[in-house]
């Protein structure tokens, strides 16, 4: 009998782990003589009625920052921050009140005579609710840190709507400050689809972005045009996406009129009209993709849909 050989399974690569204690500064090097910009920030904190508790370098990147007490009236969330969840802020207030201690400093940067908080807005709201006079914050001299909300915020997980709204608010705020090419803001924005979805959420609060996100994130790219120009293009794209959403809603209504009640109806329709659904890799143009989906949605025939098809579809629920 011929010898049968079986293909060997490829070995799984282990993720590369850092060598213990191989990176950053030793504990003895975290303090020292701070540079002029940090000394100036310390003077500003004192002039604003705050107090500098200490100046130090972070142990990983060696960046200088302050640990400071700030008057709570001088502290506010970044203007592009997501809306505070009242329920989450209330839970934090109850926990802080029970401990009678504020143990988790905010992160703050100086901005326009005040201090912006890119991380800790719920803790700030909780302290306000408790009537606190001051908060403790890690104050960094670099204002650009205010635009790293998505990377910094681990206090309460962002849903898609919150992420998209924060990204578009950041983008609109950055245009006047730093109109570089859009692709140079990849760190701040994380993914290009969030900008387009954010524009949609601004116009339609109950927009079901999750059902389109899986399509957009495969075809959207950061552009080489300046941010102001890129935003103008994305506004046109968002308008077309909202037009598509209207057509999809009409198709969903037609299905409901036929007696379908699944919570996945919208996801089902979007999956049916998605031209790249079965493509493992795609180089499709985002605007062409939306146009194709719009035409398919406008031609959608609810009478050809069978109950079993919807039941097996699943997918993203409406936001």
Protein backbone atom coordinates (compact mmCIF):
# COMPACT_ATOMS: atom_id res chain seq x y z
CA UNK A 1 0.00 0.00 0.00
CA UNK A 2 1.26 3.48 -0.77
CA UNK A 3 2.40 5.37 2.24
CA UNK A 4 -0.08 8.01 3.25
CA UNK A 5 1.43 11.22 4.54
CA UNK A 6 -0.49 13.81 6.47
CA UNK A 7 0.33 17.46 6.37
CA UNK A 8 1.93 18.71 9.54
CA UNK A 9 0.06 21.41 11.35
CA UNK A 10 2.01 24.65 11.43
CA UNK A 11 3.34 25.47 14.84
CA UNK A 12 1.66 28.35 16.54
CA UNK A 13 4.00 31.24 17.09
CA UNK A 14 4.20 32.39 20.63
CA UNK A 15 3.69 36.09 21.11
CA UNK A 16 6.99 37.77 21.83
CA UNK A 17 7.18 38.66 25.49
CA UNK A 18 9.29 41.47 26.80
CA UNK A 19 12.38 40.57 28.75
CA UNK A 20 11.60 41.25 32.41
CA UNK A 21 12.85 44.63 33.64
CA UNK A 22 14.40 45.50 30.27
CA UNK A 23 12.57 48.71 29.35
CA UNK A 24 12.16 52.24 30.67
CA UNK A 25 13.69 53.96 33.66
CA UNK A 26 14.76 52.61 37.00
CA UNK A 27 12.84 53.85 40.03
CA UNK A 28 15.76 56.02 41.07
CA UNK A 29 15.65 58.00 37.82
CA UNK A 30 11.96 59.01 37.90
CA UNK A 31 12.62 62.17 39.93
CA UNK A 32 15.10 64.94 39.22
CA UNK A 33 15.33 68.40 37.75
CA UNK A 34 12.33 68.95 35.45
CA UNK A 35 12.76 70.79 32.11
CA UNK A 36 11.68 74.43 31.65
CA UNK A 37 8.27 73.64 30.09
CA UNK A 38 7.33 71.44 33.04
CA UNK A 39 8.54 74.07 35.54
CA UNK A 40 6.39 76.63 33.72
CA UNK A 41 3.38 74.30 33.92
CA UNK A 42 3.96 73.94 37.66
CA UNK A 43 3.93 77.74 38.03
CA UNK A 44 0.68 77.89 36.03
CA UNK A 45 -0.96 75.30 38.29
CA UNK A 46 0.00 77.32 41.37
CA UNK A 47 -1.25 80.56 39.75
CA UNK A 48 -4.58 78.83 38.98
CA UNK A 49 -5.11 78.05 42.65
CA UNK A 50 -3.80 74.50 42.51
CA UNK A 51 -0.89 72.82 44.22
CA UNK A 52 1.97 70.80 42.77
CA UNK A 53 2.41 67.59 44.72
CA UNK A 54 5.33 66.39 42.66
CA UNK A 55 7.10 66.36 39.29
CA UNK A 56 8.33 63.10 37.83
CA UNK A 57 9.01 61.11 34.67
CA UNK A 58 6.80 58.18 33.79
CA UNK A 59 8.72 54.91 34.14
CA UNK A 60 8.09 53.63 30.61
CA UNK A 61 8.61 56.53 28.20
CA UNK A 62 10.44 58.93 30.50
CA UNK A 63 7.95 61.73 29.83
CA UNK A 64 7.70 64.50 32.44
CA UNK A 65 4.39 65.24 34.17
CA UNK A 66 2.98 66.67 37.36
CA UNK A 67 0.94 65.17 40.15
CA UNK A 68 -1.20 68.12 41.16
CA UNK A 69 -4.25 69.20 43.07
CA UNK A 70 -6.57 71.27 40.86
CA UNK A 71 -9.59 73.42 41.76
CA UNK A 72 -12.54 71.43 40.44
CA UNK A 73 -14.01 74.56 38.82
CA UNK A 74 -10.96 74.77 36.56
CA UNK A 75 -11.32 71.21 35.29
CA UNK A 76 -13.62 70.04 32.50
CA UNK A 77 -13.86 67.21 29.96
CA UNK A 78 -12.45 67.80 26.50
CA UNK A 79 -15.04 69.49 24.26
CA UNK A 80 -15.16 66.43 22.01
CA UNK A 81 -15.61 63.96 24.88
CA UNK A 82 -18.44 61.43 24.80
CA UNK A 83 -21.48 62.26 26.90
CA UNK A 84 -21.27 61.20 30.52
CA UNK A 85 -23.32 58.17 31.54
CA UNK A 86 -25.32 59.39 34.52
CA UNK A 87 -25.74 55.85 35.82
CA UNK A 88 -22.00 55.16 35.70
CA UNK A 89 -21.16 58.50 37.32
CA UNK A 90 -23.66 57.78 40.09
CA UNK A 91 -22.08 54.37 40.76
CA UNK A 92 -18.63 55.96 40.96
CA UNK A 93 -19.93 58.69 43.29
CA UNK A 94 -21.42 56.05 45.60
CA UNK A 95 -18.15 54.08 45.67
CA UNK A 96 -15.99 57.18 46.30
CA UNK A 97 -18.39 58.38 48.99
CA UNK A 98 -18.35 54.99 50.71
CA UNK A 99 -14.55 54.92 50.80
CA UNK A 100 -14.35 58.63 51.61
CA UNK A 101 -11.25 58.68 49.40
CA UNK A 102 -10.48 59.79 45.83
CA UNK A 103 -7.78 57.29 44.89
CA UNK A 104 -7.66 57.38 41.09
CA UNK A 105 -6.21 60.64 39.69
CA UNK A 106 -7.60 62.14 36.50
CA UNK A 107 -5.41 62.76 33.47
CA UNK A 108 -5.36 66.44 32.51
CA UNK A 109 -3.68 68.82 30.08
CA UNK A 110 -3.61 72.64 30.17
CA UNK A 111 -5.96 74.19 27.62
CA UNK A 112 -7.16 77.77 27.22
CA UNK A 113 -6.77 78.76 30.85
CA UNK A 114 -8.40 75.57 32.10
CA UNK A 115 -7.55 71.87 32.35
CA UNK A 116 -9.03 69.38 29.91
CA UNK A 117 -9.62 65.79 31.01
CA UNK A 118 -9.25 63.22 28.20
CA UNK A 119 -9.50 60.40 30.74
CA UNK A 120 -11.62 60.55 33.88
CA UNK A 121 -14.72 62.53 32.95
CA UNK A 122 -16.95 60.11 34.90
CA UNK A 123 -14.74 60.44 37.98
CA UNK A 124 -14.89 64.22 37.56
CA UNK A 125 -18.71 64.11 37.32
CA UNK A 126 -18.82 61.91 40.42
CA UNK A 127 -16.66 64.34 42.41
CA UNK A 128 -18.85 67.25 41.31
CA UNK A 129 -21.95 65.35 42.45
CA UNK A 130 -20.33 64.82 45.86
CA UNK A 131 -19.59 68.54 46.20
CA UNK A 132 -15.80 68.20 46.09
CA UNK A 133 -13.70 71.37 45.96
CA UNK A 134 -10.67 69.83 44.25
CA UNK A 135 -9.41 66.80 42.36
CA UNK A 136 -6.00 65.21 42.01
CA UNK A 137 -4.68 64.85 38.47
CA UNK A 138 -1.68 63.74 36.49
CA UNK A 139 -1.05 66.88 34.43
CA UNK A 140 0.92 66.47 31.21
CA UNK A 141 2.36 69.52 29.44
CA UNK A 142 1.52 68.24 25.94
CA UNK A 143 -1.95 69.36 24.85
CA UNK A 144 -1.94 66.78 22.05
CA UNK A 145 -2.53 64.14 24.71
CA UNK A 146 -6.12 65.44 24.85
CA UNK A 147 -6.66 63.88 21.42
CA UNK A 148 -5.69 60.38 22.56
CA UNK A 149 -9.05 59.69 24.22
CA UNK A 150 -9.68 56.28 22.69
CA UNK A 151 -6.24 54.99 23.65
CA UNK A 152 -6.38 56.46 27.15
CA UNK A 153 -9.92 55.68 28.24
CA UNK A 154 -10.22 52.43 30.14
CA UNK A 155 -12.72 53.70 32.71
CA UNK A 156 -15.84 52.67 30.79
CA UNK A 157 -15.76 50.84 27.48
CA UNK A 158 -16.89 52.91 24.49
CA UNK A 159 -19.65 51.60 22.29
CA UNK A 160 -19.51 52.29 18.56
CA UNK A 161 -21.68 55.41 18.77
CA UNK A 162 -19.52 56.94 21.50
CA UNK A 163 -16.29 56.15 19.68
CA UNK A 164 -17.57 57.59 16.40
CA UNK A 165 -18.89 60.79 17.99
CA UNK A 166 -15.64 61.36 19.86
CA UNK A 167 -13.60 60.86 16.69
CA UNK A 168 -15.65 63.29 14.59
CA UNK A 169 -15.57 65.88 17.39
CA UNK A 170 -11.80 65.52 17.54
CA UNK A 171 -11.51 65.81 13.78
CA UNK A 172 -13.60 68.97 13.67
CA UNK A 173 -11.60 70.44 16.54
CA UNK A 174 -8.25 69.60 14.94
CA UNK A 175 -9.05 71.25 11.61
CA UNK A 176 -8.50 74.73 13.04
CA UNK A 177 -5.43 73.69 15.04
CA UNK A 178 -3.52 71.36 12.77
CA UNK A 179 -4.78 70.85 9.21
CA UNK A 180 -2.33 68.11 8.28
CA UNK A 181 -3.19 65.22 5.93
CA UNK A 182 -5.88 62.99 7.39
CA UNK A 183 -3.66 59.90 7.34
CA UNK A 184 -1.29 61.53 9.83
CA UNK A 185 -4.01 61.30 12.51
CA UNK A 186 -4.36 57.51 12.46
CA UNK A 187 -3.30 57.24 16.11
CA UNK A 188 -5.96 59.70 17.25
CA UNK A 189 -8.80 58.41 15.07
CA UNK A 190 -8.00 54.66 15.18
CA UNK A 191 -9.96 53.77 12.04
CA UNK A 192 -11.33 55.85 9.14
CA UNK A 193 -14.83 54.37 9.30
CA UNK A 194 -15.36 56.05 12.68
CA UNK A 195 -15.13 59.51 11.09
CA UNK A 196 -17.84 58.77 8.55
CA UNK A 197 -20.06 57.06 11.11
CA UNK A 198 -19.57 59.97 13.50
CA UNK A 199 -20.92 62.38 10.88
CA UNK A 200 -23.96 60.13 10.50
CA UNK A 201 -24.56 59.96 14.25
CA UNK A 202 -24.38 63.76 14.45
CA UNK A 203 -27.28 64.02 12.04
CA UNK A 204 -29.24 60.99 13.21
CA UNK A 205 -28.92 60.08 16.87
CA UNK A 206 -30.55 56.67 16.43
CA UNK A 207 -28.52 55.77 13.35
CA UNK A 208 -27.76 52.03 13.27
CA UNK A 209 -24.06 52.37 12.61
CA UNK A 210 -23.19 48.85 13.75
CA UNK A 211 -24.88 47.23 10.75
CA UNK A 212 -22.72 49.27 8.33
CA UNK A 213 -19.51 49.24 10.34
CA UNK A 214 -18.41 45.79 9.19
CA UNK A 215 -18.66 46.94 5.56
CA UNK A 216 -17.08 50.35 6.01
CA UNK A 217 -14.06 49.19 7.97
CA UNK A 218 -13.11 46.92 5.05
CA UNK A 219 -13.21 49.63 2.40
CA UNK A 220 -12.54 52.93 4.20
CA UNK A 221 -8.98 54.31 4.19
CA UNK A 222 -7.28 57.35 5.63
CA UNK A 223 -6.66 59.85 2.84
CA UNK A 224 -3.68 61.94 1.77
CA UNK A 225 -5.76 65.14 1.55
CA UNK A 226 -5.68 67.71 4.33
CA UNK A 227 -8.07 67.02 7.15
CA UNK A 228 -10.39 69.89 6.16
CA UNK A 229 -10.67 68.55 2.61
CA UNK A 230 -11.08 64.98 3.82
CA UNK A 231 -13.93 66.02 6.13
CA UNK A 232 -15.76 67.70 3.24
CA UNK A 233 -15.49 64.44 1.26
CA UNK A 234 -16.66 62.41 4.24
CA UNK A 235 -19.69 64.67 4.75
CA UNK A 236 -20.81 63.83 1.22
CA UNK A 237 -20.18 60.15 1.95
CA UNK A 238 -22.15 60.34 5.20
CA UNK A 239 -25.09 61.92 3.35
CA UNK A 240 -25.07 59.00 0.90
CA UNK A 241 -24.84 56.53 3.81
CA UNK A 242 -27.90 58.12 5.42
CA UNK A 243 -29.71 57.83 2.09
CA UNK A 244 -28.77 54.15 2.08
CA UNK A 245 -30.06 53.84 5.65
CA UNK A 246 -33.42 55.27 4.54
CA UNK A 247 -33.64 52.68 1.76
CA UNK A 248 -32.69 49.88 4.17
CA UNK A 249 -35.32 51.08 6.66
CA UNK A 250 -37.91 50.93 3.88
CA UNK A 251 -36.88 47.34 3.12
CA UNK A 252 -37.12 46.45 6.82
CA UNK A 253 -40.60 47.98 6.97
CA UNK A 254 -41.64 45.86 3.99
CA UNK A 255 -40.43 42.75 5.80
CA UNK A 256 -42.28 43.74 8.97
CA UNK A 257 -45.44 44.31 6.92
CA UNK A 258 -45.13 40.69 5.82
CA UNK A 259 -45.01 39.55 9.44
CA UNK A 260 -41.26 39.27 10.09
CA UNK A 261 -40.34 40.24 13.66
CA UNK A 262 -36.66 39.28 14.05
CA UNK A 263 -34.38 41.84 15.77
CA UNK A 264 -31.87 41.09 13.01
CA UNK A 265 -33.98 42.35 10.10
CA UNK A 266 -31.75 45.34 9.40
CA UNK A 267 -28.58 43.26 9.59
CA UNK A 268 -30.24 40.74 7.27
CA UNK A 269 -31.06 43.37 4.66
CA UNK A 270 -27.57 44.91 4.82
CA UNK A 271 -25.99 41.47 4.45
CA UNK A 272 -28.16 40.74 1.38
CA UNK A 273 -27.12 43.96 -0.35
CA UNK A 274 -23.44 43.89 0.68
CA UNK A 275 -21.41 43.47 -2.56
CA UNK A 276 -18.21 42.44 -0.74
CA UNK A 277 -19.84 40.00 1.67
CA UNK A 278 -18.17 36.89 0.23
CA UNK A 279 -14.85 38.50 -0.73
CA UNK A 280 -12.04 37.47 1.60
CA UNK A 281 -9.90 40.38 0.47
CA UNK A 282 -11.15 43.44 -1.30
CA UNK A 283 -9.81 46.60 -2.89
CA UNK A 284 -13.30 47.98 -3.49
CA UNK A 285 -13.80 51.74 -3.44
CA UNK A 286 -15.88 52.89 -0.50
CA UNK A 287 -18.12 55.24 -2.49
CA UNK A 288 -18.74 52.64 -5.21
CA UNK A 289 -19.62 50.12 -2.50
CA UNK A 290 -22.17 52.45 -0.90
CA UNK A 291 -23.67 53.29 -4.31
CA UNK A 292 -24.07 49.58 -5.13
CA UNK A 293 -25.69 48.92 -1.78
CA UNK A 294 -28.07 51.84 -2.28
CA UNK A 295 -29.20 50.55 -5.67
CA UNK A 296 -29.68 47.05 -4.25
CA UNK A 297 -31.64 48.37 -1.28
CA UNK A 298 -33.92 50.35 -3.55
CA UNK A 299 -34.62 47.17 -5.55
CA UNK A 300 -35.04 44.94 -2.48
CA UNK A 301 -38.04 42.64 -2.88
CA UNK A 302 -39.44 41.52 0.48
CA UNK A 303 -41.80 39.02 -1.21
CA UNK A 304 -38.81 36.82 -2.15
CA UNK A 305 -37.59 36.45 1.44
CA UNK A 306 -38.38 33.24 3.33
CA UNK A 307 -38.70 32.99 7.10
CA UNK A 308 -35.84 30.52 7.43
CA UNK A 309 -33.44 32.90 5.72
CA UNK A 310 -33.96 35.63 8.29
CA UNK A 311 -33.81 33.21 11.22
CA UNK A 312 -30.39 31.92 10.14
CA UNK A 313 -28.93 35.32 9.27
CA UNK A 314 -28.12 36.79 12.70
CA UNK A 315 -25.65 39.68 12.58
CA UNK A 316 -25.41 43.01 14.35
CA UNK A 317 -28.40 44.28 16.25
CA UNK A 318 -29.57 47.82 15.67
CA UNK A 319 -27.81 50.32 17.96
